[in-house]
Amino acid sequence: RPLVVGPGLKTGVQMRYDDPSEVGPDRI
C-alpha cells in the first residue's frame, strides 16, 4: 500500500503548531 503523508504517519518531529493536521505534507 502506498504511504500518504498526513495524520497517522510517524514523522519523529515534535509539532509546535496549533493544529498539526494543517501542516502541508511537503512542509513535513
mmCIF file of all heavy atoms, coordinates in Angstrom:
data_MODEL
# 
_entry.id   MODEL 
# 
loop_
_atom_site.group_PDB 
_atom_site.id 
_atom_site.type_symbol 
_atom_site.label_atom_id 
_atom_site.label_alt_id 
_atom_site.label_comp_id 
_atom_site.label_asym_id 
_atom_site.label_entity_id 
_atom_site.label_seq_id 
_atom_site.pdbx_PDB_ins_code 
_atom_site.Cartn_x 
_atom_site.Cartn_y 
_atom_site.Cartn_z 
_atom_site.occupancy 
_atom_site.B_iso_or_equiv 
_atom_site.pdbx_formal_charge 
_atom_site.auth_seq_id 
_atom_site.auth_comp_id 
_atom_site.auth_asym_id 
_atom_site.auth_atom_id 
_atom_site.pdbx_PDB_model_num 
ATOM 1   N N   . ARG A 1 1  ? 0.845  -1.185 0.000  1.00 0.00 ? 1  ARG A N   1 
ATOM 2   C CA  . ARG A 1 1  ? 0.000  0.000  0.000  1.00 0.00 ? 1  ARG A CA  1 
ATOM 3   C C   . ARG A 1 1  ? 0.885  1.241  0.000  1.00 0.00 ? 1  ARG A C   1 
ATOM 4   O O   . ARG A 1 1  ? 1.777  1.383  0.823  1.00 0.00 ? 1  ARG A O   1 
ATOM 5   C CB  . ARG A 1 1  ? -0.885 -0.014 1.249  1.00 0.00 ? 1  ARG A CB  1 
ATOM 6   C CG  . ARG A 1 1  ? -1.758 1.215  1.419  1.00 0.00 ? 1  ARG A CG  1 
ATOM 7   C CD  . ARG A 1 1  ? -2.645 1.046  2.648  1.00 0.00 ? 1  ARG A CD  1 
ATOM 8   N NE  . ARG A 1 1  ? -1.864 0.846  3.850  1.00 0.00 ? 1  ARG A NE  1 
ATOM 9   C CZ  . ARG A 1 1  ? -1.408 1.834  4.614  1.00 0.00 ? 1  ARG A CZ  1 
ATOM 10  N NH1 . ARG A 1 1  ? -1.652 3.097  4.291  1.00 0.00 ? 1  ARG A NH1 1 
ATOM 11  N NH2 . ARG A 1 1  ? -0.703 1.573  5.700  1.00 0.00 ? 1  ARG A NH2 1 
ATOM 12  N N   . PRO A 1 2  ? 0.671  2.179  -0.910 1.00 0.00 ? 2  PRO A N   1 
ATOM 13  C CA  . PRO A 1 2  ? 1.480  3.406  -0.900 1.00 0.00 ? 2  PRO A CA  1 
ATOM 14  C C   . PRO A 1 2  ? 1.191  4.228  0.355  1.00 0.00 ? 2  PRO A C   1 
ATOM 15  O O   . PRO A 1 2  ? 0.058  4.273  0.836  1.00 0.00 ? 2  PRO A O   1 
ATOM 16  C CB  . PRO A 1 2  ? 1.035  4.142  -2.167 1.00 0.00 ? 2  PRO A CB  1 
ATOM 17  C CG  . PRO A 1 2  ? -0.328 3.623  -2.456 1.00 0.00 ? 2  PRO A CG  1 
ATOM 18  C CD  . PRO A 1 2  ? -0.325 2.195  -1.999 1.00 0.00 ? 2  PRO A CD  1 
ATOM 19  N N   . LEU A 1 3  ? 2.219  4.847  0.888  1.00 0.00 ? 3  LEU A N   1 
ATOM 20  C CA  . LEU A 1 3  ? 2.058  5.706  2.054  1.00 0.00 ? 3  LEU A CA  1 
ATOM 21  C C   . LEU A 1 3  ? 1.686  7.112  1.601  1.00 0.00 ? 3  LEU A C   1 
ATOM 22  O O   . LEU A 1 3  ? 2.133  7.571  0.549  1.00 0.00 ? 3  LEU A O   1 
ATOM 23  C CB  . LEU A 1 3  ? 3.349  5.747  2.865  1.00 0.00 ? 3  LEU A CB  1 
ATOM 24  C CG  . LEU A 1 3  ? 3.858  4.421  3.427  1.00 0.00 ? 3  LEU A CG  1 
ATOM 25  C CD1 . LEU A 1 3  ? 5.173  4.624  4.178  1.00 0.00 ? 3  LEU A CD1 1 
ATOM 26  C CD2 . LEU A 1 3  ? 2.824  3.779  4.329  1.00 0.00 ? 3  LEU A CD2 1 
ATOM 27  N N   . VAL A 1 4  ? 0.873  7.772  2.394  1.00 0.00 ? 4  VAL A N   1 
ATOM 28  C CA  . VAL A 1 4  ? 0.470  9.149  2.115  1.00 0.00 ? 4  VAL A CA  1 
ATOM 29  C C   . VAL A 1 4  ? 0.811  9.986  3.334  1.00 0.00 ? 4  VAL A C   1 
ATOM 30  O O   . VAL A 1 4  ? 0.402  9.661  4.463  1.00 0.00 ? 4  VAL A O   1 
ATOM 31  C CB  . VAL A 1 4  ? -1.039 9.245  1.803  1.00 0.00 ? 4  VAL A CB  1 
ATOM 32  C CG1 . VAL A 1 4  ? -1.430 10.702 1.542  1.00 0.00 ? 4  VAL A CG1 1 
ATOM 33  C CG2 . VAL A 1 4  ? -1.394 8.376  0.603  1.00 0.00 ? 4  VAL A CG2 1 
ATOM 34  N N   . VAL A 1 5  ? 1.576  11.048 3.141  1.00 0.00 ? 5  VAL A N   1 
ATOM 35  C CA  . VAL A 1 5  ? 1.974  11.897 4.265  1.00 0.00 ? 5  VAL A CA  1 
ATOM 36  C C   . VAL A 1 5  ? 0.748  12.637 4.782  1.00 0.00 ? 5  VAL A C   1 
ATOM 37  O O   . VAL A 1 5  ? 0.069  13.344 4.037  1.00 0.00 ? 5  VAL A O   1 
ATOM 38  C CB  . VAL A 1 5  ? 3.058  12.894 3.852  1.00 0.00 ? 5  VAL A CB  1 
ATOM 39  C CG1 . VAL A 1 5  ? 3.470  13.753 5.056  1.00 0.00 ? 5  VAL A CG1 1 
ATOM 40  C CG2 . VAL A 1 5  ? 4.268  12.161 3.292  1.00 0.00 ? 5  VAL A CG2 1 
ATOM 41  N N   . GLY A 1 6  ? 0.470  12.448 6.071  1.00 0.00 ? 6  GLY A N   1 
ATOM 42  C CA  . GLY A 1 6  ? -0.692 13.061 6.689  1.00 0.00 ? 6  GLY A CA  1 
ATOM 43  C C   . GLY A 1 6  ? -0.885 12.484 8.076  1.00 0.00 ? 6  GLY A C   1 
ATOM 44  O O   . GLY A 1 6  ? 0.001  11.791 8.616  1.00 0.00 ? 6  GLY A O   1 
ATOM 45  N N   . PRO A 1 7  ? -2.016 12.765 8.693  1.00 0.00 ? 7  PRO A N   1 
ATOM 46  C CA  . PRO A 1 7  ? -2.282 12.246 10.033 1.00 0.00 ? 7  PRO A CA  1 
ATOM 47  C C   . PRO A 1 7  ? -2.138 10.722 10.082 1.00 0.00 ? 7  PRO A C   1 
ATOM 48  O O   . PRO A 1 7  ? -2.580 10.006 9.189  1.00 0.00 ? 7  PRO A O   1 
ATOM 49  C CB  . PRO A 1 7  ? -3.741 12.668 10.286 1.00 0.00 ? 7  PRO A CB  1 
ATOM 50  C CG  . PRO A 1 7  ? -3.928 13.886 9.441  1.00 0.00 ? 7  PRO A CG  1 
ATOM 51  C CD  . PRO A 1 7  ? -3.111 13.639 8.211  1.00 0.00 ? 7  PRO A CD  1 
ATOM 52  N N   . GLY A 1 8  ? -1.474 10.243 11.148 1.00 0.00 ? 8  GLY A N   1 
ATOM 53  C CA  . GLY A 1 8  ? -1.268 8.810  11.318 1.00 0.00 ? 8  GLY A CA  1 
ATOM 54  C C   . GLY A 1 8  ? 0.094  8.321  10.875 1.00 0.00 ? 8  GLY A C   1 
ATOM 55  O O   . GLY A 1 8  ? 0.504  7.218  11.240 1.00 0.00 ? 8  GLY A O   1 
ATOM 56  N N   . LEU A 1 9  ? 0.810  9.128  10.106 1.00 0.00 ? 9  LEU A N   1 
ATOM 57  C CA  . LEU A 1 9  ? 2.139  8.736  9.666  1.00 0.00 ? 9  LEU A CA  1 
ATOM 58  C C   . LEU A 1 9  ? 3.170  9.194  10.692 1.00 0.00 ? 9  LEU A C   1 
ATOM 59  O O   . LEU A 1 9  ? 3.138  10.333 11.143 1.00 0.00 ? 9  LEU A O   1 
ATOM 60  C CB  . LEU A 1 9  ? 2.450  9.366  8.306  1.00 0.00 ? 9  LEU A CB  1 
ATOM 61  C CG  . LEU A 1 9  ? 3.546  8.681  7.477  1.00 0.00 ? 9  LEU A CG  1 
ATOM 62  C CD1 . LEU A 1 9  ? 3.024  7.371  6.910  1.00 0.00 ? 9  LEU A CD1 1 
ATOM 63  C CD2 . LEU A 1 9  ? 4.004  9.595  6.349  1.00 0.00 ? 9  LEU A CD2 1 
ATOM 64  N N   . LYS A 1 10 ? 4.075  8.306  11.071 1.00 0.00 ? 10 LYS A N   1 
ATOM 65  C CA  . LYS A 1 10 ? 5.123  8.664  12.032 1.00 0.00 ? 10 LYS A CA  1 
ATOM 66  C C   . LYS A 1 10 ? 6.152  9.582  11.368 1.00 0.00 ? 10 LYS A C   1 
ATOM 67  O O   . LYS A 1 10 ? 6.670  9.270  10.304 1.00 0.00 ? 10 LYS A O   1 
ATOM 68  C CB  . LYS A 1 10 ? 5.826  7.400  12.540 1.00 0.00 ? 10 LYS A CB  1 
ATOM 69  C CG  . LYS A 1 10 ? 4.959  6.461  13.353 1.00 0.00 ? 10 LYS A CG  1 
ATOM 70  C CD  . LYS A 1 10 ? 5.772  5.315  13.906 1.00 0.00 ? 10 LYS A CD  1 
ATOM 71  C CE  . LYS A 1 10 ? 6.366  4.470  12.789 1.00 0.00 ? 10 LYS A CE  1 
ATOM 72  N NZ  . LYS A 1 10 ? 7.121  3.290  13.309 1.00 0.00 ? 10 LYS A NZ  1 
ATOM 73  N N   . THR A 1 11 ? 6.432  10.713 12.030 1.00 0.00 ? 11 THR A N   1 
ATOM 74  C CA  . THR A 1 11 ? 7.412  11.650 11.488 1.00 0.00 ? 11 THR A CA  1 
ATOM 75  C C   . THR A 1 11 ? 8.645  11.790 12.373 1.00 0.00 ? 11 THR A C   1 
ATOM 76  O O   . THR A 1 11 ? 9.707  12.175 11.890 1.00 0.00 ? 11 THR A O   1 
ATOM 77  C CB  . THR A 1 11 ? 6.785  13.044 11.303 1.00 0.00 ? 11 THR A CB  1 
ATOM 78  O OG1 . THR A 1 11 ? 6.474  13.593 12.602 1.00 0.00 ? 11 THR A OG1 1 
ATOM 79  C CG2 . THR A 1 11 ? 5.523  12.976 10.463 1.00 0.00 ? 11 THR A CG2 1 
ATOM 80  N N   . GLY A 1 12 ? 8.514  11.506 13.659 1.00 0.00 ? 12 GLY A N   1 
ATOM 81  C CA  . GLY A 1 12 ? 9.614  11.719 14.586 1.00 0.00 ? 12 GLY A CA  1 
ATOM 82  C C   . GLY A 1 12 ? 9.855  13.183 14.906 1.00 0.00 ? 12 GLY A C   1 
ATOM 83  O O   . GLY A 1 12 ? 10.849 13.519 15.547 1.00 0.00 ? 12 GLY A O   1 
ATOM 84  N N   . VAL A 1 13 ? 8.943  14.066 14.472 1.00 0.00 ? 13 VAL A N   1 
ATOM 85  C CA  . VAL A 1 13 ? 9.106  15.503 14.673 1.00 0.00 ? 13 VAL A CA  1 
ATOM 86  C C   . VAL A 1 13 ? 8.035  16.001 15.641 1.00 0.00 ? 13 VAL A C   1 
ATOM 87  O O   . VAL A 1 13 ? 6.845  15.743 15.456 1.00 0.00 ? 13 VAL A O   1 
ATOM 88  C CB  . VAL A 1 13 ? 8.970  16.274 13.341 1.00 0.00 ? 13 VAL A CB  1 
ATOM 89  C CG1 . VAL A 1 13 ? 9.070  17.777 13.583 1.00 0.00 ? 13 VAL A CG1 1 
ATOM 90  C CG2 . VAL A 1 13 ? 10.027 15.816 12.351 1.00 0.00 ? 13 VAL A CG2 1 
ATOM 91  N N   . GLN A 1 14 ? 8.476  16.706 16.678 1.00 0.00 ? 14 GLN A N   1 
ATOM 92  C CA  . GLN A 1 14 ? 7.519  17.346 17.575 1.00 0.00 ? 14 GLN A CA  1 
ATOM 93  C C   . GLN A 1 14 ? 6.956  18.581 16.893 1.00 0.00 ? 14 GLN A C   1 
ATOM 94  O O   . GLN A 1 14 ? 7.700  19.431 16.404 1.00 0.00 ? 14 GLN A O   1 
ATOM 95  C CB  . GLN A 1 14 ? 8.192  17.742 18.897 1.00 0.00 ? 14 GLN A CB  1 
ATOM 96  C CG  . GLN A 1 14 ? 7.234  18.337 19.913 1.00 0.00 ? 14 GLN A CG  1 
ATOM 97  C CD  . GLN A 1 14 ? 7.915  18.691 21.221 1.00 0.00 ? 14 GLN A CD  1 
ATOM 98  O OE1 . GLN A 1 14 ? 9.125  18.516 21.361 1.00 0.00 ? 14 GLN A OE1 1 
ATOM 99  N NE2 . GLN A 1 14 ? 7.155  19.171 22.181 1.00 0.00 ? 14 GLN A NE2 1 
ATOM 100 N N   . MET A 1 15 ? 5.642  18.677 16.845 1.00 0.00 ? 15 MET A N   1 
ATOM 101 C CA  . MET A 1 15 ? 4.978  19.760 16.124 1.00 0.00 ? 15 MET A CA  1 
ATOM 102 C C   . MET A 1 15 ? 4.474  20.809 17.107 1.00 0.00 ? 15 MET A C   1 
ATOM 103 O O   . MET A 1 15 ? 3.560  20.549 17.892 1.00 0.00 ? 15 MET A O   1 
ATOM 104 C CB  . MET A 1 15 ? 3.811  19.207 15.302 1.00 0.00 ? 15 MET A CB  1 
ATOM 105 C CG  . MET A 1 15 ? 4.183  18.074 14.355 1.00 0.00 ? 15 MET A CG  1 
ATOM 106 S SD  . MET A 1 15 ? 5.255  18.623 13.008 1.00 0.00 ? 15 MET A SD  1 
ATOM 107 C CE  . MET A 1 15 ? 4.074  19.527 12.025 1.00 0.00 ? 15 MET A CE  1 
ATOM 108 N N   . ARG A 1 16 ? 5.046  22.001 17.057 1.00 0.00 ? 16 ARG A N   1 
ATOM 109 C CA  . ARG A 1 16 ? 4.575  23.108 17.893 1.00 0.00 ? 16 ARG A CA  1 
ATOM 110 C C   . ARG A 1 16 ? 3.633  23.983 17.051 1.00 0.00 ? 16 ARG A C   1 
ATOM 111 O O   . ARG A 1 16 ? 3.879  25.161 16.838 1.00 0.00 ? 16 ARG A O   1 
ATOM 112 C CB  . ARG A 1 16 ? 5.756  23.916 18.417 1.00 0.00 ? 16 ARG A CB  1 
ATOM 113 C CG  . ARG A 1 16 ? 6.753  23.109 19.228 1.00 0.00 ? 16 ARG A CG  1 
ATOM 114 C CD  . ARG A 1 16 ? 7.787  24.005 19.880 1.00 0.00 ? 16 ARG A CD  1 
ATOM 115 N NE  . ARG A 1 16 ? 8.825  23.253 20.529 1.00 0.00 ? 16 ARG A NE  1 
ATOM 116 C CZ  . ARG A 1 16 ? 8.733  22.693 21.728 1.00 0.00 ? 16 ARG A CZ  1 
ATOM 117 N NH1 . ARG A 1 16 ? 7.592  22.807 22.408 1.00 0.00 ? 16 ARG A NH1 1 
ATOM 118 N NH2 . ARG A 1 16 ? 9.739  22.022 22.255 1.00 0.00 ? 16 ARG A NH2 1 
ATOM 119 N N   . TYR A 1 17 ? 2.575  23.354 16.592 1.00 0.00 ? 17 TYR A N   1 
ATOM 120 C CA  . TYR A 1 17 ? 1.614  24.010 15.705 1.00 0.00 ? 17 TYR A CA  1 
ATOM 121 C C   . TYR A 1 17 ? 0.251  23.862 16.349 1.00 0.00 ? 17 TYR A C   1 
ATOM 122 O O   . TYR A 1 17 ? -0.060 22.816 16.924 1.00 0.00 ? 17 TYR A O   1 
ATOM 123 C CB  . TYR A 1 17 ? 1.638  23.333 14.326 1.00 0.00 ? 17 TYR A CB  1 
ATOM 124 C CG  . TYR A 1 17 ? 1.446  24.255 13.147 1.00 0.00 ? 17 TYR A CG  1 
ATOM 125 C CD1 . TYR A 1 17 ? 2.446  25.136 12.766 1.00 0.00 ? 17 TYR A CD1 1 
ATOM 126 C CD2 . TYR A 1 17 ? 0.274  24.233 12.394 1.00 0.00 ? 17 TYR A CD2 1 
ATOM 127 C CE1 . TYR A 1 17 ? 2.294  25.980 11.667 1.00 0.00 ? 17 TYR A CE1 1 
ATOM 128 C CE2 . TYR A 1 17 ? 0.110  25.067 11.290 1.00 0.00 ? 17 TYR A CE2 1 
ATOM 129 C CZ  . TYR A 1 17 ? 1.123  25.933 10.934 1.00 0.00 ? 17 TYR A CZ  1 
ATOM 130 O OH  . TYR A 1 17 ? 0.963  26.769 9.857  1.00 0.00 ? 17 TYR A OH  1 
ATOM 131 N N   . ASP A 1 18 ? -0.588 24.900 16.264 1.00 0.00 ? 18 ASP A N   1 
ATOM 132 C CA  . ASP A 1 18 ? -1.900 24.836 16.915 1.00 0.00 ? 18 ASP A CA  1 
ATOM 133 C C   . ASP A 1 18 ? -2.680 23.613 16.463 1.00 0.00 ? 18 ASP A C   1 
ATOM 134 O O   . ASP A 1 18 ? -3.296 22.912 17.272 1.00 0.00 ? 18 ASP A O   1 
ATOM 135 C CB  . ASP A 1 18 ? -2.709 26.104 16.613 1.00 0.00 ? 18 ASP A CB  1 
ATOM 136 C CG  . ASP A 1 18 ? -2.117 27.338 17.275 1.00 0.00 ? 18 ASP A CG  1 
ATOM 137 O OD1 . ASP A 1 18 ? -1.316 27.176 18.222 1.00 0.00 ? 18 ASP A OD1 1 
ATOM 138 O OD2 . ASP A 1 18 ? -2.439 28.459 16.832 1.00 0.00 ? 18 ASP A OD2 1 
ATOM 139 N N   . ASP A 1 19 ? -2.680 23.333 15.160 1.00 0.00 ? 19 ASP A N   1 
ATOM 140 C CA  . ASP A 1 19 ? -3.357 22.165 14.609 1.00 0.00 ? 19 ASP A CA  1 
ATOM 141 C C   . ASP A 1 19 ? -2.402 21.495 13.637 1.00 0.00 ? 19 ASP A C   1 
ATOM 142 O O   . ASP A 1 19 ? -2.298 21.904 12.472 1.00 0.00 ? 19 ASP A O   1 
ATOM 143 C CB  . ASP A 1 19 ? -4.650 22.573 13.905 1.00 0.00 ? 19 ASP A CB  1 
ATOM 144 C CG  . ASP A 1 19 ? -5.425 21.378 13.365 1.00 0.00 ? 19 ASP A CG  1 
ATOM 145 O OD1 . ASP A 1 19 ? -4.932 20.239 13.495 1.00 0.00 ? 19 ASP A OD1 1 
ATOM 146 O OD2 . ASP A 1 19 ? -6.531 21.587 12.827 1.00 0.00 ? 19 ASP A OD2 1 
ATOM 147 N N   . PRO A 1 20 ? -1.672 20.455 14.083 1.00 0.00 ? 20 PRO A N   1 
ATOM 148 C CA  . PRO A 1 20 ? -0.681 19.808 13.214 1.00 0.00 ? 20 PRO A CA  1 
ATOM 149 C C   . PRO A 1 20 ? -1.262 19.283 11.906 1.00 0.00 ? 20 PRO A C   1 
ATOM 150 O O   . PRO A 1 20 ? -0.532 19.175 10.911 1.00 0.00 ? 20 PRO A O   1 
ATOM 151 C CB  . PRO A 1 20 ? -0.153 18.662 14.083 1.00 0.00 ? 20 PRO A CB  1 
ATOM 152 C CG  . PRO A 1 20 ? -0.344 19.134 15.488 1.00 0.00 ? 20 PRO A CG  1 
ATOM 153 C CD  . PRO A 1 20 ? -1.638 19.899 15.453 1.00 0.00 ? 20 PRO A CD  1 
ATOM 154 N N   . SER A 1 21 ? -2.558 18.988 11.866 1.00 0.00 ? 21 SER A N   1 
ATOM 155 C CA  . SER A 1 21 ? -3.154 18.470 10.637 1.00 0.00 ? 21 SER A CA  1 
ATOM 156 C C   . SER A 1 21 ? -3.189 19.520 9.531  1.00 0.00 ? 21 SER A C   1 
ATOM 157 O O   . SER A 1 21 ? -3.389 19.193 8.360  1.00 0.00 ? 21 SER A O   1 
ATOM 158 C CB  . SER A 1 21 ? -4.570 17.957 10.909 1.00 0.00 ? 21 SER A CB  1 
ATOM 159 O OG  . SER A 1 21 ? -5.454 19.017 11.234 1.00 0.00 ? 21 SER A OG  1 
ATOM 160 N N   . GLU A 1 22 ? -3.006 20.794 9.902  1.00 0.00 ? 22 GLU A N   1 
ATOM 161 C CA  . GLU A 1 22 ? -2.990 21.860 8.906  1.00 0.00 ? 22 GLU A CA  1 
ATOM 162 C C   . GLU A 1 22 ? -1.664 21.962 8.162  1.00 0.00 ? 22 GLU A C   1 
ATOM 163 O O   . GLU A 1 22 ? -1.592 22.609 7.112  1.00 0.00 ? 22 GLU A O   1 
ATOM 164 C CB  . GLU A 1 22 ? -3.284 23.217 9.567  1.00 0.00 ? 22 GLU A CB  1 
ATOM 165 C CG  . GLU A 1 22 ? -4.693 23.381 10.094 1.00 0.00 ? 22 GLU A CG  1 
ATOM 166 C CD  . GLU A 1 22 ? -4.903 24.764 10.700 1.00 0.00 ? 22 GLU A CD  1 
ATOM 167 O OE1 . GLU A 1 22 ? -3.921 25.534 10.809 1.00 0.00 ? 22 GLU A OE1 1 
ATOM 168 O OE2 . GLU A 1 22 ? -6.052 25.063 11.046 1.00 0.00 ? 22 GLU A OE2 1 
ATOM 169 N N   . VAL A 1 23 ? -0.620 21.349 8.699  1.00 0.00 ? 23 VAL A N   1 
ATOM 170 C CA  . VAL A 1 23 ? 0.709  21.479 8.097  1.00 0.00 ? 23 VAL A CA  1 
ATOM 171 C C   . VAL A 1 23 ? 0.759  20.647 6.813  1.00 0.00 ? 23 VAL A C   1 
ATOM 172 O O   . VAL A 1 23 ? 0.473  19.457 6.816  1.00 0.00 ? 23 VAL A O   1 
ATOM 173 C CB  . VAL A 1 23 ? 1.808  21.015 9.070  1.00 0.00 ? 23 VAL A CB  1 
ATOM 174 C CG1 . VAL A 1 23 ? 3.186  21.198 8.424  1.00 0.00 ? 23 VAL A CG1 1 
ATOM 175 C CG2 . VAL A 1 23 ? 1.729  21.803 10.365 1.00 0.00 ? 23 VAL A CG2 1 
ATOM 176 N N   . GLY A 1 24 ? 1.140  21.280 5.711  1.00 0.00 ? 24 GLY A N   1 
ATOM 177 C CA  . GLY A 1 24 ? 1.203  20.589 4.430  1.00 0.00 ? 24 GLY A CA  1 
ATOM 178 C C   . GLY A 1 24 ? 2.212  19.455 4.442  1.00 0.00 ? 24 GLY A C   1 
ATOM 179 O O   . GLY A 1 24 ? 3.250  19.533 5.109  1.00 0.00 ? 24 GLY A O   1 
ATOM 180 N N   . PRO A 1 25 ? 1.936  18.391 3.696  1.00 0.00 ? 25 PRO A N   1 
ATOM 181 C CA  . PRO A 1 25 ? 2.848  17.238 3.695  1.00 0.00 ? 25 PRO A CA  1 
ATOM 182 C C   . PRO A 1 25 ? 4.229  17.568 3.158  1.00 0.00 ? 25 PRO A C   1 
ATOM 183 O O   . PRO A 1 25 ? 5.224  16.975 3.599  1.00 0.00 ? 25 PRO A O   1 
ATOM 184 C CB  . PRO A 1 25 ? 2.117  16.224 2.798  1.00 0.00 ? 25 PRO A CB  1 
ATOM 185 C CG  . PRO A 1 25 ? 1.182  17.041 1.963  1.00 0.00 ? 25 PRO A CG  1 
ATOM 186 C CD  . PRO A 1 25 ? 0.761  18.179 2.840  1.00 0.00 ? 25 PRO A CD  1 
ATOM 187 N N   . ASP A 1 26 ? 4.323  18.495 2.211  1.00 0.00 ? 26 ASP A N   1 
ATOM 188 C CA  . ASP A 1 26 ? 5.635  18.884 1.696  1.00 0.00 ? 26 ASP A CA  1 
ATOM 189 C C   . ASP A 1 26 ? 6.450  19.596 2.770  1.00 0.00 ? 26 ASP A C   1 
ATOM 190 O O   . ASP A 1 26 ? 7.676  19.434 2.841  1.00 0.00 ? 26 ASP A O   1 
ATOM 191 C CB  . ASP A 1 26 ? 5.482  19.767 0.462  1.00 0.00 ? 26 ASP A CB  1 
ATOM 192 C CG  . ASP A 1 26 ? 4.585  20.981 0.683  1.00 0.00 ? 26 ASP A CG  1 
ATOM 193 O OD1 . ASP A 1 26 ? 3.734  20.944 1.598  1.00 0.00 ? 26 ASP A OD1 1 
ATOM 194 O OD2 . ASP A 1 26 ? 4.728  21.972 -0.066 1.00 0.00 ? 26 ASP A OD2 1 
ATOM 195 N N   . ARG A 1 27 ? 5.776  20.360 3.616  1.00 0.00 ? 27 ARG A N   1 
ATOM 196 C CA  . ARG A 1 27 ? 6.471  21.062 4.695  1.00 0.00 ? 27 ARG A CA  1 
ATOM 197 C C   . ARG A 1 27 ? 7.011  20.053 5.709  1.00 0.00 ? 27 ARG A C   1 
ATOM 198 O O   . ARG A 1 27 ? 8.125  20.214 6.224  1.00 0.00 ? 27 ARG A O   1 
ATOM 199 C CB  . ARG A 1 27 ? 5.534  22.053 5.377  1.00 0.00 ? 27 ARG A CB  1 
ATOM 200 C CG  . ARG A 1 27 ? 4.990  23.124 4.423  1.00 0.00 ? 27 ARG A CG  1 
ATOM 201 C CD  . ARG A 1 27 ? 3.957  24.006 5.104  1.00 0.00 ? 27 ARG A CD  1 
ATOM 202 N NE  . ARG A 1 27 ? 4.573  24.877 6.104  1.00 0.00 ? 27 ARG A NE  1 
ATOM 203 C CZ  . ARG A 1 27 ? 3.879  25.565 6.998  1.00 0.00 ? 27 ARG A CZ  1 
ATOM 204 N NH1 . ARG A 1 27 ? 2.555  25.469 7.043  1.00 0.00 ? 27 ARG A NH1 1 
ATOM 205 N NH2 . ARG A 1 27 ? 4.503  26.352 7.862  1.00 0.00 ? 27 ARG A NH2 1 
ATOM 206 N N   . ILE A 1 28 ? 6.238  19.022 6.001  1.00 0.00 ? 28 ILE A N   1 
ATOM 207 C CA  . ILE A 1 28 ? 6.700  17.979 6.917  1.00 0.00 ? 28 ILE A CA  1 
ATOM 208 C C   . ILE A 1 28 ? 7.928  17.277 6.345  1.00 0.00 ? 28 ILE A C   1 
ATOM 209 O O   . ILE A 1 28 ? 8.922  17.042 7.045  1.00 0.00 ? 28 ILE A O   1 
ATOM 210 C CB  . ILE A 1 28 ? 5.571  16.972 7.182  1.00 0.00 ? 28 ILE A CB  1 
ATOM 211 C CG1 . ILE A 1 28 ? 4.432  17.646 7.954  1.00 0.00 ? 28 ILE A CG1 1 
ATOM 212 C CG2 . ILE A 1 28 ? 6.096  15.752 7.951  1.00 0.00 ? 28 ILE A CG2 1 
ATOM 213 C CD1 . ILE A 1 28 ? 3.192  16.791 8.092  1.00 0.00 ? 28 ILE A CD1 1 
# 
